[in-house]
C-alpha atoms as a PDB file:
ATOM      1  CA  MET A   1    -214.895 -60.245-109.993  1.00  0.00           C
ATOM      2  CA  SER A   2    -213.866 -63.684-110.870  1.00  0.00           C
ATOM      3  CA  TYR A   3    -213.653 -66.422-108.485  1.00  0.00           C
ATOM      4  CA  ASP A   4    -210.362 -68.084-108.443  1.00  0.00           C
ATOM      5  CA  CYS A   5    -209.531 -70.983-106.742  1.00  0.00           C
ATOM      6  CA  GLU A   6    -205.924 -70.299-105.954  1.00  0.00           C
ATOM      7  CA  MET A   7    -205.075 -69.176-102.423  1.00  0.00           C
ATOM      8  CA  ALA A   8    -205.590 -65.514-102.296  1.00  0.00           C
ATOM      9  CA  HIS A   9    -202.669 -63.384-100.362  1.00  0.00           C
ATOM     10  CA  THR A  10    -204.223 -62.635 -97.128  1.00  0.00           C
ATOM     11  CA  ASP A  11    -201.159 -61.048 -95.311  1.00  0.00           C
ATOM     12  CA  PRO A  12    -200.276 -57.615 -96.755  1.00  0.00           C
ATOM     13  CA  LEU A  13    -196.215 -58.895 -96.103  1.00  0.00           C
ATOM     14  CA  ARG A  14    -196.476 -61.484 -98.816  1.00  0.00           C
ATOM     15  CA  ARG A  15    -198.194 -58.624-101.345  1.00  0.00           C
ATOM     16  CA  THR A  16    -195.824 -57.988-104.291  1.00  0.00           C
ATOM     17  CA  VAL A  17    -195.934 -54.762-106.466  1.00  0.00           C
ATOM     18  CA  LEU A  18    -194.517 -54.149-109.427  1.00  0.00           C
ATOM     19  CA  VAL A  19    -192.987 -50.364-109.651  1.00  0.00           C
ATOM     20  CA  VAL A  20    -192.798 -48.743-113.144  1.00  0.00           C
ATOM     21  CA  ASP A  21    -191.143 -45.838-113.662  1.00  0.00           C
ATOM     22  CA  ASP A  22    -188.146 -44.662-115.919  1.00  0.00           C
ATOM     23  CA  GLU A  23    -187.091 -41.949-113.069  1.00  0.00           C
ATOM     24  CA  ALA A  24    -184.743 -44.049-110.734  1.00  0.00           C
ATOM     25  CA  MET A  25    -185.498 -41.619-107.565  1.00  0.00           C
ATOM     26  CA  VAL A  26    -189.236 -42.055-108.104  1.00  0.00           C
ATOM     27  CA  ARG A  27    -188.473 -46.235-108.291  1.00  0.00           C
ATOM     28  CA  GLU A  28    -186.149 -45.951-105.222  1.00  0.00           C
ATOM     29  CA  VAL A  29    -189.114 -43.666-103.103  1.00  0.00           C
ATOM     30  CA  VAL A  30    -191.759 -45.551-103.572  1.00  0.00           C
ATOM     31  CA  CYS A  31    -189.769 -49.147-103.083  1.00  0.00           C
ATOM     32  CA  THR A  32    -188.435 -48.011 -99.962  1.00  0.00           C
ATOM     33  CA  TYR A  33    -191.769 -47.100 -98.358  1.00  0.00           C
ATOM     34  CA  LEU A  34    -193.670 -49.861 -99.635  1.00  0.00           C
ATOM     35  CA  GLU A  35    -191.108 -51.739 -98.348  1.00  0.00           C
ATOM     36  CA  ARG A  36    -191.489 -50.268 -95.177  1.00  0.00           C
ATOM     37  CA  GLU A  37    -194.939 -51.242 -94.983  1.00  0.00           C
ATOM     38  CA  GLY A  38    -194.566 -54.732 -95.701  1.00  0.00           C
ATOM     39  CA  PHE A  39    -195.071 -55.277 -99.522  1.00  0.00           C
ATOM     40  CA  THR A  40    -192.449 -56.900-101.999  1.00  0.00           C
ATOM     41  CA  THR A  41    -191.177 -54.922-104.447  1.00  0.00           C
ATOM     42  CA  ILE A  42    -190.008 -55.052-107.876  1.00  0.00           C
ATOM     43  CA  GLU A  43    -188.951 -52.773-110.454  1.00  0.00           C
ATOM     44  CA  ALA A  44    -189.070 -51.870-114.317  1.00  0.00           C
ATOM     45  CA  VAL A  45    -187.616 -48.936-116.326  1.00  0.00           C
ATOM     46  CA  ASP A  46    -189.860 -49.084-119.309  1.00  0.00           C
ATOM     47  CA  GLY A  47    -192.874 -50.277-120.497  1.00  0.00           C
ATOM     48  CA  ALA A  48    -191.636 -53.847-122.228  1.00  0.00           C
ATOM     49  CA  THR A  49    -189.902 -54.738-119.420  1.00  0.00           C
ATOM     50  CA  ALA A  50    -193.225 -53.860-117.397  1.00  0.00           C
ATOM     51  CA  VAL A  51    -195.250 -56.194-119.445  1.00  0.00           C
ATOM     52  CA  GLN A  52    -192.392 -58.893-119.074  1.00  0.00           C
ATOM     53  CA  LEU A  53    -192.511 -58.955-115.521  1.00  0.00           C
ATOM     54  CA  ALA A  54    -196.042 -58.781-114.877  1.00  0.00           C
ATOM     55  CA  ALA A  55    -196.294 -62.079-117.081  1.00  0.00           C
ATOM     56  CA  GLU A  56    -193.583 -63.829-115.591  1.00  0.00           C
ATOM     57  CA  ARG A  57    -193.817 -62.789-111.748  1.00  0.00           C
ATOM     58  CA  GLU A  58    -197.787 -62.183-111.421  1.00  0.00           C
ATOM     59  CA  PRO A  59    -197.694 -59.383-109.220  1.00  0.00           C
ATOM     60  CA  ASP A  60    -200.362 -58.441-106.678  1.00  0.00           C
ATOM     61  CA  LEU A  61    -200.557 -54.739-107.636  1.00  0.00           C
ATOM     62  CA  ILE A  62    -198.651 -52.743-110.589  1.00  0.00           C
ATOM     63  CA  ILE A  63    -197.392 -48.988-110.039  1.00  0.00           C
ATOM     64  CA  LEU A  64    -197.455 -47.582-113.440  1.00  0.00           C
ATOM     65  CA  ASP A  65    -196.202 -44.313-114.564  1.00  0.00           C
ATOM     66  CA  VAL A  66    -197.388 -43.189-118.191  1.00  0.00           C
ATOM     67  CA  MET A  67    -194.550 -41.698-119.633  1.00  0.00           C
ATOM     68  CA  LEU A  68    -192.039 -44.386-120.467  1.00  0.00           C
ATOM     69  CA  PRO A  69    -189.508 -45.242-122.732  1.00  0.00           C
ATOM     70  CA  LYS A  70    -190.272 -47.990-125.333  1.00  0.00           C
ATOM     71  CA  LEU A  71    -193.492 -48.707-124.758  1.00  0.00           C
ATOM     72  CA  ASP A  72    -196.228 -46.075-122.865  1.00  0.00           C
ATOM     73  CA  GLY A  73    -197.894 -46.494-119.459  1.00  0.00           C
ATOM     74  CA  TYR A  74    -201.513 -46.542-121.707  1.00  0.00           C
ATOM     75  CA  SER A  75    -199.858 -49.234-124.120  1.00  0.00           C
ATOM     76  CA  VAL A  76    -198.838 -51.446-120.981  1.00  0.00           C
ATOM     77  CA  LEU A  77    -202.032 -50.981-119.006  1.00  0.00           C
ATOM     78  CA  SER A  78    -204.019 -52.321-122.391  1.00  0.00           C
ATOM     79  CA  GLU A  79    -201.776 -55.001-122.702  1.00  0.00           C
ATOM     80  CA  LEU A  80    -202.244 -56.294-119.467  1.00  0.00           C
ATOM     81  CA  ARG A  81    -206.159 -55.783-119.532  1.00  0.00           C
ATOM     82  CA  LYS A  82    -206.133 -58.090-122.731  1.00  0.00           C
ATOM     83  CA  ARG A  83    -204.143 -60.560-120.219  1.00  0.00           C
ATOM     84  CA  THR A  84    -204.933 -59.682-116.624  1.00  0.00           C
ATOM     85  CA  ASP A  85    -207.093 -58.335-113.852  1.00  0.00           C
ATOM     86  CA  VAL A  86    -204.044 -57.266-111.978  1.00  0.00           C
ATOM     87  CA  PRO A  87    -204.852 -53.847-109.918  1.00  0.00           C
ATOM     88  CA  VAL A  88    -202.979 -50.765-111.577  1.00  0.00           C
ATOM     89  CA  ILE A  89    -202.310 -47.305-110.021  1.00  0.00           C
ATOM     90  CA  LEU A  90    -200.866 -45.020-112.414  1.00  0.00           C
ATOM     91  CA  LEU A  91    -198.562 -42.561-111.005  1.00  0.00           C
ATOM     92  CA  THR A  92    -197.788 -39.975-113.578  1.00  0.00           C
ATOM     93  CA  ALA A  93    -197.067 -36.312-113.824  1.00  0.00           C
ATOM     94  CA  ARG A  94    -200.072 -35.931-116.090  1.00  0.00           C
ATOM     95  CA  ALA A  95    -202.828 -34.063-114.265  1.00  0.00           C
ATOM     96  CA  ASP A  96    -204.842 -33.401-116.580  1.00  0.00           C
ATOM     97  CA  GLU A  97    -208.475 -34.268-116.340  1.00  0.00           C
ATOM     98  CA  VAL A  98    -207.955 -35.803-119.913  1.00  0.00           C
ATOM     99  CA  ASP A  99    -205.372 -37.799-119.310  1.00  0.00           C
ATOM    100  CA  ARG A 100    -207.162 -39.194-115.909  1.00  0.00           C
ATOM    101  CA  VAL A 101    -210.267 -40.028-117.485  1.00  0.00           C
ATOM    102  CA  LEU A 102    -208.329 -41.578-120.136  1.00  0.00           C
ATOM    103  CA  GLY A 103    -206.456 -43.981-117.607  1.00  0.00           C
ATOM    104  CA  LEU A 104    -209.162 -44.901-115.762  1.00  0.00           C
ATOM    105  CA  GLU A 105    -210.839 -45.557-118.781  1.00  0.00           C
ATOM    106  CA  LEU A 106    -208.353 -48.085-119.680  1.00  0.00           C
ATOM    107  CA  GLY A 107    -208.953 -50.007-116.898  1.00  0.00           C
ATOM    108  CA  ALA A 108    -206.297 -48.210-114.386  1.00  0.00           C
ATOM    109  CA  ASP A 109    -207.816 -48.664-110.562  1.00  0.00           C
ATOM    110  CA  ASP A 110    -206.488 -45.591-109.280  1.00  0.00           C
ATOM    111  CA  TYR A 111    -204.507 -42.342-110.661  1.00  0.00           C
ATOM    112  CA  VAL A 112    -201.840 -40.340-108.556  1.00  0.00           C
ATOM    113  CA  VAL A 113    -200.352 -37.459-109.926  1.00  0.00           C
ATOM    114  CA  LYS A 114    -196.569 -36.296-109.399  1.00  0.00           C
ATOM    115  CA  PRO A 115    -195.563 -34.747-106.438  1.00  0.00           C
ATOM    116  CA  PHE A 116    -197.098 -37.320-104.245  1.00  0.00           C
ATOM    117  CA  SER A 117    -197.276 -38.262-100.951  1.00  0.00           C
ATOM    118  CA  PRO A 118    -195.860 -42.168-100.389  1.00  0.00           C
ATOM    119  CA  ARG A 119    -197.716 -42.278 -97.251  1.00  0.00           C
ATOM    120  CA  GLU A 120    -200.885 -41.613 -99.706  1.00  0.00           C
ATOM    121  CA  LEU A 121    -199.549 -43.949-102.138  1.00  0.00           C
ATOM    122  CA  ALA A 122    -199.125 -46.717 -99.720  1.00  0.00           C
ATOM    123  CA  ALA A 123    -202.783 -46.126 -97.975  1.00  0.00           C
ATOM    124  CA  ARG A 124    -203.773 -46.536-101.959  1.00  0.00           C
ATOM    125  CA  VAL A 125    -202.327 -49.611-102.343  1.00  0.00           C
ATOM    126  CA  ARG A 126    -203.840 -51.347 -99.849  1.00  0.00           C
ATOM    127  CA  SER A 127    -207.253 -49.318-100.420  1.00  0.00           C
ATOM    128  CA  VAL A 128    -207.047 -50.996-104.139  1.00  0.00           C
ATOM    129  CA  LEU A 129    -205.692 -54.566-102.830  1.00  0.00           C
ATOM    130  CA  ARG A 130    -208.557 -54.408-100.499  1.00  0.00           C
ATOM    131  CA  ARG A 131    -211.024 -53.834-102.929  1.00  0.00           C
ATOM    132  CA  THR A 132    -209.833 -55.917-105.650  1.00  0.00           C
ATOM    133  CA  ALA A 133    -209.365 -58.963-103.747  1.00  0.00           C
ATOM    134  CA  THR A 134    -210.239 -62.530-104.225  1.00  0.00           C
ATOM    135  CA  PRO A 135    -211.953 -65.013-101.824  1.00  0.00           C
ATOM    136  CA  ASP A 136    -209.536 -67.144-100.025  1.00  0.00           C
ATOM    137  CA  TYR A 137    -209.999 -70.399-101.360  1.00  0.00           C
ATOM    138  CA  LYS A 138    -208.770 -74.017 -99.679  1.00  0.00           C
ATOM    139  CA  ALA A 139    -208.400 -76.100-102.464  1.00  0.00           C
ATOM    140  CA  THR A 140    -207.465 -75.701-106.227  1.00  0.00           C
ATOM    141  CA  ARG A 141    -209.146 -79.294-107.103  1.00  0.00           C
ATOM    142  CA  MET A 142    -212.530 -80.231-105.477  1.00  0.00           C
ATOM    143  CA  ASP A 143    -213.773 -83.565-106.140  1.00  0.00           C
ATOM    144  CA  PHE A 144    -217.437 -84.385-104.963  1.00  0.00           C
ATOM    145  CA  GLY A 145    -218.015 -88.328-105.835  1.00  0.00           C
ATOM    146  CA  GLY A 146    -218.343 -87.794-109.692  1.00  0.00           C
ATOM    147  CA  ILE A 147    -218.371 -83.890-110.091  1.00  0.00           C
ATOM    148  CA  VAL A 148    -214.783 -82.517-110.029  1.00  0.00           C
ATOM    149  CA  ILE A 149    -214.029 -78.913-110.058  1.00  0.00           C
ATOM    150  CA  ASP A 150    -210.615 -77.939-111.147  1.00  0.00           C
ATOM    151  CA  CYS A 151    -210.038 -73.934-109.891  1.00  0.00           C
ATOM    152  CA  ARG A 152    -206.273 -73.804-111.511  1.00  0.00           C
ATOM    153  CA  THR A 153    -207.457 -74.732-115.297  1.00  0.00           C
ATOM    154  CA  ARG A 154    -211.445 -73.737-114.720  1.00  0.00           C
ATOM    155  CA  GLU A 155    -212.571 -76.841-115.614  1.00  0.00           C
ATOM    156  CA  VAL A 156    -216.007 -79.307-114.361  1.00  0.00           C
ATOM    157  CA  GLU A 157    -216.164 -83.158-114.929  1.00  0.00           C
ATOM    158  CA  ILE A 158    -219.132 -85.108-114.015  1.00  0.00           C
ATOM    159  CA  ASP A 159    -218.592 -89.058-114.276  1.00  0.00           C
ATOM    160  CA  GLY A 160    -215.107 -88.021-116.053  1.00  0.00           C
ATOM    161  CA  SER A 161    -217.183 -85.928-119.240  1.00  0.00           C
ATOM    162  CA  PRO A 162    -215.821 -82.990-119.072  1.00  0.00           C
ATOM    163  CA  ILE A 163    -218.804 -79.881-118.982  1.00  0.00           C
ATOM    164  CA  GLU A 164    -218.939 -76.524-120.782  1.00  0.00           C
ATOM    165  CA  MET A 165    -219.551 -73.718-118.378  1.00  0.00           C
ATOM    166  CA  PRO A 166    -219.931 -69.705-119.133  1.00  0.00           C
ATOM    167  CA  PRO A 167    -217.416 -67.933-116.887  1.00  0.00           C
ATOM    168  CA  MET A 168    -219.935 -66.372-114.099  1.00  0.00           C
ATOM    169  CA  GLU A 169    -221.372 -70.312-113.651  1.00  0.00           C
ATOM    170  CA  PHE A 170    -218.401 -71.485-112.810  1.00  0.00           C
ATOM    171  CA  ASP A 171    -217.359 -68.812-110.185  1.00  0.00           C
ATOM    172  CA  LEU A 172    -220.473 -69.558-108.747  1.00  0.00           C
ATOM    173  CA  LEU A 173    -220.329 -73.121-108.732  1.00  0.00           C
ATOM    174  CA  ALA A 174    -216.845 -72.919-107.276  1.00  0.00           C
ATOM    175  CA  PHE A 175    -217.660 -70.261-104.631  1.00  0.00           C
ATOM    176  CA  LEU A 176    -220.523 -72.606-103.285  1.00  0.00           C
ATOM    177  CA  ALA A 177    -218.812 -75.943-103.373  1.00  0.00           C
ATOM    178  CA  SER A 178    -215.630 -74.322-101.481  1.00  0.00           C
ATOM    179  CA  SER A 179    -218.322 -73.588 -99.015  1.00  0.00           C
ATOM    180  CA  PRO A 180    -220.387 -76.504 -98.093  1.00  0.00           C
ATOM    181  CA  ARG A 181    -223.090 -76.367 -95.986  1.00  0.00           C
ATOM    182  CA  GLN A 182    -223.178 -73.234 -95.511  1.00  0.00           C
ATOM    183  CA  VAL A 183    -226.198 -70.906 -96.337  1.00  0.00           C
ATOM    184  CA  PHE A 184    -225.883 -67.839 -98.406  1.00  0.00           C
ATOM    185  CA  SER A 185    -228.594 -65.095 -98.728  1.00  0.00           C
ATOM    186  CA  ARG A 186    -229.243 -63.264-102.149  1.00  0.00           C
ATOM    187  CA  GLY A 187    -228.518 -59.727-100.958  1.00  0.00           C
END
């Protein structure tokens, strides 16, 4: 999990879910149920629109059908994984083990087969969001007298000079810097 310095959403009422399905009835059922549960929803009817909305709106989670016009769900998932780690739940009529395994191997966080229970889907959404939540950060830029950590750009400077840092080292530095005077155990 990457340590992102942006404020993490801690209130499910503010979480946004992109629902991607070419069947209006499925979108309506999913969106209605999730909205009752306190989520904000965005809808897409095809794969190309889903990729565009995911980039523009940066949802907290995506519910994605596999059989979509313009760009199928597996292609959408592959495209998303090139750009983001947004959690994805595949919601599809394709129930074969081969399809489920393919979806999970392409990077889906969960796989739900139609027909489905809206209540169970909402529980899976909450579960995936809990599992993939990033820590809550208090600042996007931290300054420690000569050491500046900019979490938005993932850059570190020491006395005004940029420092090259591998992603995992940056994540560790940002995590430790965001919790000064706190002691952590290794395990």
